[in-house]
Amino acid sequence: GIIVGRKGTVGSIYWEHKDFYPIDTVFYVKPKENVSLEYSYYLLQTLGLDGMNTDAAVPGLNRNNVYRLEVPGIPKEIIKIFTAITCDISKQIACLTKENELLTDTRDTLLPKLLAGDLPITNTESSSRD
């Protein structure tokens, strides 16, 4: 889903892959028919929501002001193609992020053991010349 900062972090836009429970300081986005969540996310980033503060004491975003913003009418076929491309890229990013986390965990597990001398080290340079 898409989360938009309403109070404090006015207009900040977040993509959340997991279930979430919005509180009163954020809005969440429900796209209209024939508009994907992915398209909505990238469209929202172009609207300058972070500059739409309407409150003096605590920064705040007024939903009615956002509803008045004009957005281009994009044919649903173009939105469908855009969504397919961005979904593929998002899947690649998620896969690489997971792989990066795994490699980080592996490093964090092995490095202390290596520094403590608990892991044997073989000289790969001399082994490759044999």
Protein backbone atom coordinates (compact mmCIF):
# COMPACT_ATOMS: atom_id res chain seq x y z
CA GLY A 1 0.00 0.00 0.00
CA ILE A 2 0.86 3.66 -0.17
CA ILE A 3 1.17 5.75 2.97
CA VAL A 4 1.20 9.56 2.82
CA GLY A 5 2.40 11.65 5.74
CA ARG A 6 -0.40 13.88 7.04
CA LYS A 7 0.99 15.37 10.26
CA GLY A 8 4.63 16.07 10.97
CA THR A 9 6.05 14.49 7.80
CA VAL A 10 3.75 16.37 5.43
CA GLY A 11 3.46 14.77 2.02
CA SER A 12 6.11 12.11 2.52
CA ILE A 13 5.20 9.07 0.44
CA TYR A 14 6.01 5.49 1.44
CA TRP A 15 5.45 2.16 -0.27
CA GLU A 16 4.74 -0.67 2.13
CA HIS A 17 4.91 -4.28 0.89
CA LYS A 18 3.44 -5.80 4.06
CA ASP A 19 0.11 -5.31 5.79
CA PHE A 20 0.02 -2.03 7.68
CA TYR A 21 -2.26 -0.22 10.08
CA PRO A 22 -2.42 3.52 9.37
CA ILE A 23 -2.79 5.87 12.30
CA ASP A 24 -4.26 9.36 12.44
CA THR A 25 -1.02 11.05 11.30
CA VAL A 26 -1.08 9.46 7.84
CA PHE A 27 -3.35 8.91 4.86
CA TYR A 28 -3.43 5.71 2.85
CA VAL A 29 -4.23 5.49 -0.85
CA LYS A 30 -7.00 3.52 -2.52
CA PRO A 31 -6.61 3.96 -6.29
CA LYS A 32 -9.57 4.54 -8.57
CA GLU A 33 -10.69 1.89 -11.02
CA ASN A 34 -8.22 1.27 -13.89
CA VAL A 35 -5.42 2.97 -11.92
CA SER A 36 -2.86 0.70 -10.30
CA LEU A 37 -1.30 1.22 -6.93
CA GLU A 38 2.12 1.35 -8.60
CA TYR A 39 1.05 4.13 -10.96
CA SER A 40 -0.55 6.02 -8.07
CA TYR A 41 2.67 5.81 -6.05
CA TYR A 42 4.82 7.34 -8.77
CA LEU A 43 2.17 9.92 -9.69
CA LEU A 44 1.96 11.08 -6.07
CA GLN A 45 5.70 11.69 -6.07
CA THR A 46 5.27 14.28 -8.84
CA LEU A 47 2.60 16.35 -7.11
CA GLY A 48 4.75 18.22 -4.57
CA LEU A 49 2.73 17.08 -1.57
CA ASP A 50 5.65 17.81 0.74
CA GLY A 51 5.20 21.53 -0.01
CA MET A 52 1.48 21.61 0.81
CA ASN A 53 1.68 22.37 4.54
CA THR A 54 -1.54 24.05 5.71
CA ASP A 55 -1.01 24.21 9.47
CA ALA A 56 1.20 26.60 11.41
CA ALA A 57 1.96 24.86 14.72
CA VAL A 58 2.26 21.24 13.59
CA PRO A 59 2.84 20.73 9.86
CA GLY A 60 -0.21 19.15 8.24
CA LEU A 61 -1.55 18.05 4.85
CA ASN A 62 -5.18 18.78 3.99
CA ARG A 63 -6.76 15.97 1.99
CA ASN A 64 -9.20 18.31 0.23
CA ASN A 65 -6.30 20.37 -1.14
CA VAL A 66 -4.76 17.21 -2.57
CA TYR A 67 -8.08 16.20 -4.16
CA ARG A 68 -8.14 19.54 -6.01
CA LEU A 69 -4.81 18.90 -7.73
CA GLU A 70 -5.03 18.27 -11.46
CA VAL A 71 -3.36 15.17 -12.82
CA PRO A 72 -2.96 14.11 -16.44
CA GLY A 73 -5.49 11.71 -17.91
CA ILE A 74 -3.42 8.72 -18.97
CA PRO A 75 -5.03 5.96 -21.09
CA LYS A 76 -5.56 2.77 -19.10
CA GLU A 77 -3.47 0.80 -21.63
CA ILE A 78 -0.44 2.99 -20.85
CA ILE A 79 -1.04 2.60 -17.11
CA LYS A 80 -1.22 -1.17 -17.59
CA ILE A 81 2.13 -1.24 -19.44
CA PHE A 82 3.70 1.10 -16.87
CA THR A 83 2.46 -1.12 -14.05
CA ALA A 84 3.85 -4.28 -15.65
CA ILE A 85 7.29 -2.69 -16.05
CA THR A 86 7.39 -1.23 -12.54
CA CYS A 87 6.19 -4.52 -11.01
CA ASP A 88 9.05 -6.39 -12.70
CA ILE A 89 11.56 -3.82 -11.45
CA SER A 90 10.06 -3.90 -7.94
CA LYS A 91 10.35 -7.70 -7.86
CA GLN A 92 14.02 -7.44 -8.87
CA ILE A 93 14.64 -4.84 -6.18
CA ALA A 94 12.95 -7.02 -3.55
CA CYS A 95 15.01 -10.04 -4.61
CA LEU A 96 18.28 -8.09 -4.54
CA THR A 97 17.38 -6.53 -1.19
CA LYS A 98 16.74 -9.98 0.28
CA GLU A 99 20.04 -11.24 -1.15
CA ASN A 100 21.86 -8.21 0.27
CA GLU A 101 20.37 -8.86 3.72
CA LEU A 102 21.46 -12.49 3.53
CA LEU A 103 25.00 -11.52 2.54
CA THR A 104 25.13 -8.93 5.32
CA ASP A 105 24.00 -11.52 7.88
CA THR A 106 26.60 -13.98 6.57
CA ARG A 107 29.34 -11.36 6.81
CA ASP A 108 28.27 -10.37 10.31
CA THR A 109 28.38 -14.03 11.37
CA LEU A 110 31.68 -14.97 9.74
CA LEU A 111 33.80 -11.84 10.25
CA PRO A 112 34.01 -12.04 14.07
CA LYS A 113 34.92 -15.73 13.78
CA LEU A 114 37.60 -14.92 11.21
CA LEU A 115 39.07 -12.13 13.34
CA ALA A 116 39.04 -14.38 16.41
CA GLY A 117 40.96 -17.06 14.48
CA ASP A 118 38.11 -19.55 14.68
CA LEU A 119 38.04 -20.06 10.91
CA PRO A 120 40.91 -21.63 8.98
CA ILE A 121 42.37 -19.53 6.17
CA THR A 122 43.78 -21.15 3.06
CA ASN A 123 46.11 -19.33 0.71
CA THR A 124 44.04 -19.24 -2.45
CA GLU A 125 46.74 -17.38 -4.37
CA SER A 126 49.29 -20.19 -4.09
CA SER A 127 46.58 -22.80 -4.65
CA SER A 128 45.61 -21.22 -7.98
CA ARG A 129 49.22 -21.34 -9.24
CA ASP A 130 49.61 -25.08 -8.61
